[in-house]
Protein backbone atom coordinates (compact mmCIF):
# COMPACT_ATOMS: atom_id res chain seq x y z
CA UNK A 1 0.00 0.00 0.00
CA UNK A 2 2.75 2.47 0.94
CA UNK A 3 4.67 1.78 -2.26
CA UNK A 4 1.57 2.32 -4.41
CA UNK A 5 0.73 5.52 -2.56
CA UNK A 6 4.26 6.85 -3.07
CA UNK A 7 4.26 5.84 -6.74
CA UNK A 8 0.90 7.53 -7.37
CA UNK A 9 2.02 10.73 -5.64
CA UNK A 10 5.27 10.81 -7.64
CA UNK A 11 3.49 10.11 -10.93
CA UNK A 12 0.91 12.81 -10.21
CA UNK A 13 3.65 15.34 -9.43
CA UNK A 14 5.60 14.45 -12.57
CA UNK A 15 2.49 14.66 -14.75
CA UNK A 16 1.43 18.02 -13.32
CA UNK A 17 4.95 19.37 -13.79
CA UNK A 18 5.10 18.27 -17.42
CA UNK A 19 1.61 19.62 -18.17
CA UNK A 20 2.64 22.94 -16.58
CA UNK A 21 5.72 23.01 -18.78
CA UNK A 22 3.47 22.36 -21.79
CA UNK A 23 1.31 25.36 -20.86
CA UNK A 24 4.41 27.55 -20.53
CA UNK A 25 5.63 26.24 -23.88
CA UNK A 26 2.35 27.14 -25.58
CA UNK A 27 2.39 30.64 -24.09
CA UNK A 28 6.00 31.17 -25.18
CA UNK A 29 5.34 29.87 -28.70
CA UNK A 30 2.61 32.52 -29.11
CA UNK A 31 4.94 35.33 -28.00
CA UNK A 32 8.27 34.34 -29.54
CA UNK A 33 9.65 32.20 -32.33
CA UNK A 34 8.67 28.51 -31.82
CA UNK A 35 12.33 27.44 -32.08
CA UNK A 36 13.25 29.87 -29.31
CA UNK A 37 10.34 28.52 -27.25
CA UNK A 38 11.81 25.02 -27.60
CA UNK A 39 15.20 26.37 -26.51
CA UNK A 40 13.62 27.91 -23.40
CA UNK A 41 11.86 24.62 -22.63
CA UNK A 42 15.18 22.78 -22.99
CA UNK A 43 16.84 25.26 -20.63
CA UNK A 44 14.02 24.83 -18.09
CA UNK A 45 14.33 21.04 -18.25
CA UNK A 46 18.12 21.33 -17.81
CA UNK A 47 17.73 23.64 -14.81
CA UNK A 48 15.12 21.34 -13.30
CA UNK A 49 17.43 18.36 -13.79
CA UNK A 50 20.26 20.19 -12.08
CA UNK A 51 17.80 21.06 -9.29
CA UNK A 52 17.08 17.36 -8.83
CA UNK A 53 20.80 16.77 -8.30
CA UNK A 54 20.99 19.69 -5.86
CA UNK A 55 18.08 18.36 -3.84
CA UNK A 56 18.81 14.66 -3.97
CA UNK A 57 22.58 14.59 -3.58
CA UNK A 58 23.44 17.91 -1.97
CA UNK A 59 20.31 18.00 0.22
CA UNK A 60 19.38 21.60 -0.64
CA UNK A 61 15.74 22.66 -0.67
CA UNK A 62 14.10 25.23 -2.95
CA UNK A 63 13.79 27.80 -0.17
CA UNK A 64 17.52 27.63 0.44
CA UNK A 65 18.01 29.62 -2.78
CA UNK A 66 16.38 32.59 -0.99
CA UNK A 67 17.52 31.94 2.56
CA UNK A 68 21.11 30.80 1.98
CA UNK A 69 22.29 31.50 -1.60
CA UNK A 70 25.87 32.03 -0.41
CA UNK A 71 25.87 28.58 1.18
CA UNK A 72 24.66 26.98 -2.05
CA UNK A 73 27.28 28.84 -4.11
CA UNK A 74 30.02 27.86 -1.67
CA UNK A 75 28.91 24.23 -1.68
CA UNK A 76 28.69 24.15 -5.48
CA UNK A 77 32.10 25.71 -6.01
CA UNK A 78 33.70 23.17 -3.66
CA UNK A 79 31.95 20.15 -5.18
CA UNK A 80 32.20 21.15 -8.83
CA UNK A 81 35.92 21.83 -8.43
CA UNK A 82 36.54 18.17 -7.67
CA UNK A 83 36.51 15.79 -10.65
CA UNK A 84 34.27 13.25 -8.92
CA UNK A 85 31.73 15.87 -7.83
CA UNK A 86 31.65 17.47 -11.25
CA UNK A 87 31.13 14.12 -13.00
CA UNK A 88 28.36 13.17 -10.57
CA UNK A 89 26.59 16.51 -11.09
CA UNK A 90 26.85 16.26 -14.88
CA UNK A 91 25.90 12.58 -14.97
CA UNK A 92 22.83 12.83 -12.73
CA UNK A 93 21.70 16.05 -14.42
CA UNK A 94 22.13 14.48 -17.87
CA UNK A 95 20.19 11.39 -16.82
CA UNK A 96 17.28 13.42 -15.49
CA UNK A 97 17.46 15.77 -18.49
CA UNK A 98 17.07 12.75 -20.76
CA UNK A 99 14.22 11.24 -18.74
CA UNK A 100 12.33 14.51 -18.33
CA UNK A 101 13.00 15.50 -21.93
CA UNK A 102 11.66 12.20 -23.24
CA UNK A 103 8.66 12.46 -20.94
CA UNK A 104 7.94 16.00 -22.10
CA UNK A 105 8.43 15.07 -25.75
CA UNK A 106 5.97 12.20 -25.41
CA UNK A 107 3.43 14.42 -23.66
CA UNK A 108 3.88 17.13 -26.31
CA UNK A 109 3.28 14.70 -29.18
CA UNK A 110 0.23 13.18 -27.47
CA UNK A 111 -1.37 16.54 -26.67
CA UNK A 112 -0.64 18.03 -30.10
CA UNK A 113 -2.07 14.99 -31.90
CA UNK A 114 -5.11 15.12 -29.61
CA UNK A 115 -5.64 18.78 -30.54
CA UNK A 116 -5.42 17.95 -34.27
CA UNK A 117 -7.96 15.14 -33.89
CA UNK A 118 -10.34 17.50 -32.10
CA UNK A 119 -9.91 20.14 -34.84
CA UNK A 120 -10.77 17.61 -37.54
CA UNK A 121 -14.10 16.71 -35.94
């Protein structure tokens, strides 16, 4: 029961995050060039992936960016200066970038094809 509850909560959070990103993408595509909108989405996914590494491996929370930005910068400079820390940060961020990017790409294709089907009716 606990495992299913945790899985459902995580899946709900991931889905809501990706749908929110889709809404931001649509708003950006109306205001700027669609290629630039994709670049912004890619940057947001990359920043979110790096944030996963910060939270999971460095144990920083989102409010720490406001409360203790100097501590985060100091921690990052120390860790990213070491080869092992840098490789871990890049590797974990790249993994989550790939997973989130594939998830967003799949959601984008599904929602766009759904919109086209509805327009044809």
